[in-house]
PDB file of N, CA and C in Angstrom:
ATOM      1  N   UNK A   1       0.429  -0.993   0.103  1.00  0.00           N
ATOM      2  CA  UNK A   1       0.741   0.055  -0.348  1.00  0.00           C
ATOM      3  C   UNK A   1       1.140   1.607   0.439  1.00  0.00           C
ATOM      4  N   UNK A   2       0.776   2.085  -1.616  1.00  0.00           N
ATOM      5  CA  UNK A   2       1.646   3.068  -0.366  1.00  0.00           C
ATOM      6  C   UNK A   2       0.182   4.427  -0.592  1.00  0.00           C
ATOM      7  N   UNK A   3       0.828   6.210  -0.691  1.00  0.00           N
ATOM      8  CA  UNK A   3      -0.452   6.675  -0.390  1.00  0.00           C
ATOM      9  C   UNK A   3      -0.802   7.416  -1.676  1.00  0.00           C
ATOM     10  N   UNK A   4       0.438   6.774  -2.496  1.00  0.00           N
ATOM     11  CA  UNK A   4      -0.327   7.595  -3.844  1.00  0.00           C
ATOM     12  C   UNK A   4      -1.786   7.035  -4.872  1.00  0.00           C
ATOM     13  N   UNK A   5      -1.648   5.384  -3.695  1.00  0.00           N
ATOM     14  CA  UNK A   5      -3.185   4.894  -4.775  1.00  0.00           C
ATOM     15  C   UNK A   5      -4.073   5.685  -4.240  1.00  0.00           C
ATOM     16  N   UNK A   6      -5.138   6.497  -5.515  1.00  0.00           N
ATOM     17  CA  UNK A   6      -6.508   6.647  -4.760  1.00  0.00           C
ATOM     18  C   UNK A   6      -7.487   6.397  -3.577  1.00  0.00           C
ATOM     19  N   UNK A   7      -7.307   4.889  -4.019  1.00  0.00           N
ATOM     20  CA  UNK A   7      -8.075   3.419  -3.781  1.00  0.00           C
ATOM     21  C   UNK A   7      -7.531   3.433  -2.302  1.00  0.00           C
ATOM     22  N   UNK A   8      -6.509   3.929  -2.147  1.00  0.00           N
ATOM     23  CA  UNK A   8      -6.044   3.464  -0.236  1.00  0.00           C
ATOM     24  C   UNK A   8      -5.390   4.863   0.755  1.00  0.00           C
ATOM     25  N   UNK A   9      -5.614   4.844   1.740  1.00  0.00           N
ATOM     26  CA  UNK A   9      -5.964   5.562   2.577  1.00  0.00           C
ATOM     27  C   UNK A   9      -5.135   4.653   4.555  1.00  0.00           C
ATOM     28  N   UNK A  10      -4.544   6.021   4.721  1.00  0.00           N
ATOM     29  CA  UNK A  10      -3.356   4.899   5.838  1.00  0.00           C
ATOM     30  C   UNK A  10      -5.145   5.146   7.328  1.00  0.00           C
ATOM     31  N   UNK A  11      -4.835   4.615   8.165  1.00  0.00           N
ATOM     32  CA  UNK A  11      -5.631   5.353   9.438  1.00  0.00           C
ATOM     33  C   UNK A  11      -4.895   5.961  10.286  1.00  0.00           C
ATOM     34  N   UNK A  12      -4.128   6.476   9.808  1.00  0.00           N
ATOM     35  CA  UNK A  12      -3.871   8.029  10.862  1.00  0.00           C
ATOM     36  C   UNK A  12      -4.535   8.623  10.306  1.00  0.00           C
ATOM     37  N   UNK A  13      -4.639   8.719   8.274  1.00  0.00           N
ATOM     38  CA  UNK A  13      -4.909   9.951   7.407  1.00  0.00           C
ATOM     39  C   UNK A  13      -6.854   9.587   8.022  1.00  0.00           C
ATOM     40  N   UNK A  14      -6.936   8.357   8.247  1.00  0.00           N
ATOM     41  CA  UNK A  14      -8.544   8.011   7.934  1.00  0.00           C
ATOM     42  C   UNK A  14      -8.626   9.364   9.861  1.00  0.00           C
ATOM     43  N   UNK A  15      -8.176   8.520  10.231  1.00  0.00           N
ATOM     44  CA  UNK A  15      -8.111   9.426  11.705  1.00  0.00           C
ATOM     45  C   UNK A  15      -8.326  10.559  11.953  1.00  0.00           C
ATOM     46  N   UNK A  16      -6.902  11.377  11.145  1.00  0.00           N
ATOM     47  CA  UNK A  16      -7.316  13.419  11.165  1.00  0.00           C
ATOM     48  C   UNK A  16      -8.326  13.107  10.126  1.00  0.00           C
ATOM     49  N   UNK A  17      -8.481  12.531   9.277  1.00  0.00           N
ATOM     50  CA  UNK A  17     -10.187  13.474   8.372  1.00  0.00           C
ATOM     51  C   UNK A  17     -11.784  13.351   9.473  1.00  0.00           C
ATOM     52  N   UNK A  18     -11.670  12.199  10.306  1.00  0.00           N
ATOM     53  CA  UNK A  18     -13.319  12.042  10.830  1.00  0.00           C
ATOM     54  C   UNK A  18     -12.467  13.073  11.978  1.00  0.00           C
ATOM     55  N   UNK A  19     -11.377  13.023  12.433  1.00  0.00           N
ATOM     56  CA  UNK A  19     -11.482  14.771  13.702  1.00  0.00           C
ATOM     57  C   UNK A  19     -11.466  15.479  12.715  1.00  0.00           C
ATOM     58  N   UNK A  20     -11.031  15.892  11.614  1.00  0.00           N
ATOM     59  CA  UNK A  20     -11.947  16.734  11.234  1.00  0.00           C
ATOM     60  C   UNK A  20     -12.959  17.404  11.103  1.00  0.00           C
ATOM     61  N   UNK A  21     -14.204  16.010  10.423  1.00  0.00           N
ATOM     62  CA  UNK A  21     -15.247  16.099  10.673  1.00  0.00           C
ATOM     63  C   UNK A  21     -15.353  16.844  11.154  1.00  0.00           C
ATOM     64  N   UNK A  22     -15.537  16.137  13.270  1.00  0.00           N
ATOM     65  CA  UNK A  22     -15.817  16.387  13.926  1.00  0.00           C
ATOM     66  C   UNK A  22     -15.466  17.828  14.816  1.00  0.00           C
ATOM     67  N   UNK A  23     -14.921  18.368  14.090  1.00  0.00           N
ATOM     68  CA  UNK A  23     -14.410  19.048  14.530  1.00  0.00           C
ATOM     69  C   UNK A  23     -15.376  20.122  13.534  1.00  0.00           C
ATOM     70  N   UNK A  24     -15.553  20.089  12.150  1.00  0.00           N
ATOM     71  CA  UNK A  24     -15.827  20.955  11.377  1.00  0.00           C
ATOM     72  C   UNK A  24     -17.527  21.129  11.862  1.00  0.00           C
ATOM     73  N   UNK A  25     -17.372  20.073  12.502  1.00  0.00           N
ATOM     74  CA  UNK A  25     -19.019  19.618  12.566  1.00  0.00           C
ATOM     75  C   UNK A  25     -19.117  20.690  14.546  1.00  0.00           C
ATOM     76  N   UNK A  26     -18.445  20.674  15.226  1.00  0.00           N
ATOM     77  CA  UNK A  26     -18.630  21.093  16.051  1.00  0.00           C
ATOM     78  C   UNK A  26     -18.936  22.770  16.625  1.00  0.00           C
ATOM     79  N   UNK A  27     -17.531  23.856  14.898  1.00  0.00           N
ATOM     80  CA  UNK A  27     -18.084  25.225  14.914  1.00  0.00           C
ATOM     81  C   UNK A  27     -19.416  25.350  13.829  1.00  0.00           C
ATOM     82  N   UNK A  28     -19.746  24.541  13.209  1.00  0.00           N
ATOM     83  CA  UNK A  28     -21.508  24.566  12.185  1.00  0.00           C
ATOM     84  C   UNK A  28     -22.087  24.800  13.568  1.00  0.00           C
ATOM     85  N   UNK A  29     -22.254  23.647  14.305  1.00  0.00           N
ATOM     86  CA  UNK A  29     -22.783  23.599  15.216  1.00  0.00           C
ATOM     87  C   UNK A  29     -23.425  25.269  16.277  1.00  0.00           C
ATOM     88  N   UNK A  30     -21.661  25.564  16.588  1.00  0.00           N
ATOM     89  CA  UNK A  30     -21.106  26.453  17.086  1.00  0.00           C
ATOM     90  C   UNK A  30     -22.293  27.143  16.486  1.00  0.00           C
ATOM     91  N   UNK A  31     -21.633  28.390  14.944  1.00  0.00           N
ATOM     92  CA  UNK A  31     -22.750  29.203  14.219  1.00  0.00           C
ATOM     93  C   UNK A  31     -24.267  29.239  14.469  1.00  0.00           C
ATOM     94  N   UNK A  32     -24.390  28.061  14.700  1.00  0.00           N
ATOM     95  CA  UNK A  32     -26.224  28.289  14.715  1.00  0.00           C
ATOM     96  C   UNK A  32     -26.769  28.509  15.645  1.00  0.00           C
ATOM     97  N   UNK A  33     -25.739  28.480  16.281  1.00  0.00           N
ATOM     98  CA  UNK A  33     -26.203  28.327  18.248  1.00  0.00           C
ATOM     99  C   UNK A  33     -25.983  30.074  17.998  1.00  0.00           C
ATOM    100  N   UNK A  34     -24.824  30.546  17.690  1.00  0.00           N
ATOM    101  CA  UNK A  34     -24.315  31.800  17.780  1.00  0.00           C
ATOM    102  C   UNK A  34     -25.676  32.985  16.896  1.00  0.00           C
ATOM    103  N   UNK A  35     -26.108  32.452  15.587  1.00  0.00           N
ATOM    104  CA  UNK A  35     -27.597  32.790  14.962  1.00  0.00           C
ATOM    105  C   UNK A  35     -28.171  33.195  15.892  1.00  0.00           C
ATOM    106  N   UNK A  36     -28.711  32.172  15.901  1.00  0.00           N
ATOM    107  CA  UNK A  36     -30.230  32.417  16.252  1.00  0.00           C
ATOM    108  C   UNK A  36     -29.630  32.990  17.855  1.00  0.00           C
ATOM    109  N   UNK A  37     -28.922  32.589  18.358  1.00  0.00           N
ATOM    110  CA  UNK A  37     -28.717  33.708  19.388  1.00  0.00           C
ATOM    111  C   UNK A  37     -28.870  35.106  19.149  1.00  0.00           C
ATOM    112  N   UNK A  38     -27.935  35.422  18.236  1.00  0.00           N
ATOM    113  CA  UNK A  38     -27.971  36.904  17.760  1.00  0.00           C
ATOM    114  C   UNK A  38     -29.757  37.002  17.485  1.00  0.00           C
ATOM    115  N   UNK A  39     -30.116  36.928  16.195  1.00  0.00           N
ATOM    116  CA  UNK A  39     -31.324  36.476  15.451  1.00  0.00           C
ATOM    117  C   UNK A  39     -32.551  37.367  16.740  1.00  0.00           C
ATOM    118  N   UNK A  40     -32.176  35.842  18.482  1.00  0.00           N
ATOM    119  CA  UNK A  40     -33.664  36.315  19.322  1.00  0.00           C
ATOM    120  C   UNK A  40     -33.046  37.981  20.147  1.00  0.00           C
ATOM    121  N   UNK A  41     -31.422  38.308  20.120  1.00  0.00           N
ATOM    122  CA  UNK A  41     -31.468  39.137  20.374  1.00  0.00           C
ATOM    123  C   UNK A  41     -31.047  40.483  19.611  1.00  0.00           C
ATOM    124  N   UNK A  42     -32.240  40.325  18.675  1.00  0.00           N
ATOM    125  CA  UNK A  42     -31.750  41.808  17.331  1.00  0.00           C
ATOM    126  C   UNK A  42     -33.669  41.547  17.503  1.00  0.00           C
ATOM    127  N   UNK A  43     -34.385  40.881  17.613  1.00  0.00           N
ATOM    128  CA  UNK A  43     -35.545  40.187  17.857  1.00  0.00           C
ATOM    129  C   UNK A  43     -36.637  41.852  18.950  1.00  0.00           C
ATOM    130  N   UNK A  44     -35.400  41.297  19.647  1.00  0.00           N
ATOM    131  CA  UNK A  44     -35.753  41.815  21.061  1.00  0.00           C
ATOM    132  C   UNK A  44     -35.492  43.456  21.687  1.00  0.00           C
ATOM    133  N   UNK A  45     -34.651  43.740  20.176  1.00  0.00           N
ATOM    134  CA  UNK A  45     -33.879  44.399  20.322  1.00  0.00           C
ATOM    135  C   UNK A  45     -35.313  45.701  19.786  1.00  0.00           C
ATOM    136  N   UNK A  46     -35.630  45.328  18.344  1.00  0.00           N
ATOM    137  CA  UNK A  46     -36.815  45.534  18.059  1.00  0.00           C
ATOM    138  C   UNK A  46     -37.747  46.477  18.395  1.00  0.00           C
ATOM    139  N   UNK A  47     -37.619  44.749  19.526  1.00  0.00           N
ATOM    140  CA  UNK A  47     -39.232  45.049  20.667  1.00  0.00           C
ATOM    141  C   UNK A  47     -39.350  46.409  21.730  1.00  0.00           C
ATOM    142  N   UNK A  48     -38.059  46.240  21.686  1.00  0.00           N
ATOM    143  CA  UNK A  48     -37.470  47.674  22.949  1.00  0.00           C
ATOM    144  C   UNK A  48     -37.914  49.398  21.985  1.00  0.00           C
ATOM    145  N   UNK A  49     -37.835  48.974  21.008  1.00  0.00           N
ATOM    146  CA  UNK A  49     -37.218  49.962  20.707  1.00  0.00           C
ATOM    147  C   UNK A  49     -38.647  50.682  20.052  1.00  0.00           C
ATOM    148  N   UNK A  50     -39.887  49.547  19.434  1.00  0.00           N
ATOM    149  CA  UNK A  50     -41.264  50.101  18.876  1.00  0.00           C
ATOM    150  C   UNK A  50     -41.901  50.472  20.655  1.00  0.00           C
ATOM    151  N   UNK A  51     -41.449  49.835  21.483  1.00  0.00           N
ATOM    152  CA  UNK A  51     -42.484  50.323  22.902  1.00  0.00           C
ATOM    153  C   UNK A  51     -41.161  51.885  22.716  1.00  0.00           C
ATOM    154  N   UNK A  52     -40.182  51.684  22.141  1.00  0.00           N
ATOM    155  CA  UNK A  52     -40.088  53.450  23.827  1.00  0.00           C
ATOM    156  C   UNK A  52     -40.802  54.383  22.209  1.00  0.00           C
ATOM    157  N   UNK A  53     -40.534  54.113  21.254  1.00  0.00           N
ATOM    158  CA  UNK A  53     -41.550  54.705  20.277  1.00  0.00           C
ATOM    159  C   UNK A  53     -42.670  55.347  20.367  1.00  0.00           C
ATOM    160  N   UNK A  54     -43.359  53.897  20.924  1.00  0.00           N
ATOM    161  CA  UNK A  54     -44.892  54.412  21.385  1.00  0.00           C
ATOM    162  C   UNK A  54     -44.740  55.399  22.866  1.00  0.00           C
ATOM    163  N   UNK A  55     -44.188  55.246  23.274  1.00  0.00           N
ATOM    164  CA  UNK A  55     -44.582  56.375  24.617  1.00  0.00           C
ATOM    165  C   UNK A  55     -43.948  57.428  23.898  1.00  0.00           C
ATOM    166  N   UNK A  56     -42.732  57.721  22.859  1.00  0.00           N
ATOM    167  CA  UNK A  56     -43.124  59.290  22.612  1.00  0.00           C
ATOM    168  C   UNK A  56     -43.648  59.228  21.982  1.00  0.00           C
ATOM    169  N   UNK A  57     -44.318  58.776  21.321  1.00  0.00           N
ATOM    170  CA  UNK A  57     -45.663  59.206  20.549  1.00  0.00           C
ATOM    171  C   UNK A  57     -46.729  59.865  21.265  1.00  0.00           C
ATOM    172  N   UNK A  58     -46.899  58.974  23.272  1.00  0.00           N
ATOM    173  CA  UNK A  58     -47.876  59.991  23.673  1.00  0.00           C
ATOM    174  C   UNK A  58     -47.539  61.201  24.514  1.00  0.00           C
ATOM    175  N   UNK A  59     -45.977  61.792  24.763  1.00  0.00           N
ATOM    176  CA  UNK A  59     -45.290  62.425  25.240  1.00  0.00           C
ATOM    177  C   UNK A  59     -46.214  64.242  24.747  1.00  0.00           C
ATOM    178  N   UNK A  60     -45.977  64.477  25.173  1.00  0.00           N
ATOM    179  CA  UNK A  60     -46.081  65.910  24.760  1.00  0.00           C
ATOM    180  C   UNK A  60     -44.541  66.984  24.962  1.00  0.00           C
ATOM    181  N   UNK A  61     -45.152  67.770  23.614  1.00  0.00           N
ATOM    182  CA  UNK A  61     -43.633  68.932  23.179  1.00  0.00           C
ATOM    183  C   UNK A  61     -42.705  69.229  24.518  1.00  0.00           C
ATOM    184  N   UNK A  62     -41.559  69.506  24.826  1.00  0.00           N
ATOM    185  CA  UNK A  62     -41.719  70.102  25.701  1.00  0.00           C
ATOM    186  C   UNK A  62     -42.337  71.451  25.581  1.00  0.00           C
ATOM    187  N   UNK A  63     -42.687  72.765  26.436  1.00  0.00           N
ATOM    188  CA  UNK A  63     -42.783  73.493  26.250  1.00  0.00           C
ATOM    189  C   UNK A  63     -41.005  74.473  26.503  1.00  0.00           C
ATOM    190  N   UNK A  64     -42.008  75.866  25.187  1.00  0.00           N
ATOM    191  CA  UNK A  64     -40.671  76.317  24.600  1.00  0.00           C
ATOM    192  C   UNK A  64     -40.337  76.907  25.774  1.00  0.00           C
ATOM    193  N   UNK A  65     -39.728  78.059  26.183  1.00  0.00           N
ATOM    194  CA  UNK A  65     -38.263  78.808  27.747  1.00  0.00           C
ATOM    195  C   UNK A  65     -39.166  79.986  26.652  1.00  0.00           C
ATOM    196  N   UNK A  66     -38.675  80.869  27.365  1.00  0.00           N
ATOM    197  CA  UNK A  66     -39.401  82.189  27.275  1.00  0.00           C
ATOM    198  C   UNK A  66     -38.316  82.955  26.789  1.00  0.00           C
ATOM    199  N   UNK A  67     -37.599  83.973  25.849  1.00  0.00           N
ATOM    200  CA  UNK A  67     -36.749  84.248  25.508  1.00  0.00           C
ATOM    201  C   UNK A  67     -36.976  85.948  26.899  1.00  0.00           C
ATOM    202  N   UNK A  68     -35.571  86.261  28.601  1.00  0.00           N
ATOM    203  CA  UNK A  68     -36.468  87.390  29.089  1.00  0.00           C
ATOM    204  C   UNK A  68     -36.199  88.412  27.949  1.00  0.00           C
ATOM    205  N   UNK A  69     -37.813  89.413  27.681  1.00  0.00           N
ATOM    206  CA  UNK A  69     -36.914  90.416  26.900  1.00  0.00           C
ATOM    207  C   UNK A  69     -36.078  91.257  27.088  1.00  0.00           C
ATOM    208  N   UNK A  70     -34.741  91.900  26.517  1.00  0.00           N
ATOM    209  CA  UNK A  70     -34.380  93.410  26.424  1.00  0.00           C
ATOM    210  C   UNK A  70     -34.780  94.677  27.049  1.00  0.00           C
ATOM    211  N   UNK A  71     -34.413  95.323  27.993  1.00  0.00           N
ATOM    212  CA  UNK A  71     -35.126  96.328  28.004  1.00  0.00           C
ATOM    213  C   UNK A  71     -34.726  97.751  27.224  1.00  0.00           C
TER     214      UNK A  71
END
């Protein structure tokens, strides 16, 4: 068995490939979890903004301060 033959693969190469597949699978899972977390955070922030905008819409504008008249 030589490493130049495409049909043959050493056990150490198989182990290395399996470890790499596991590592990539774990990284993909972590990425999916991060995306889900960020999506939920985004939804929460949008809800907070909508709530603040609704409160802001009910507020009266501040009264304008009168300027003192010069004598």
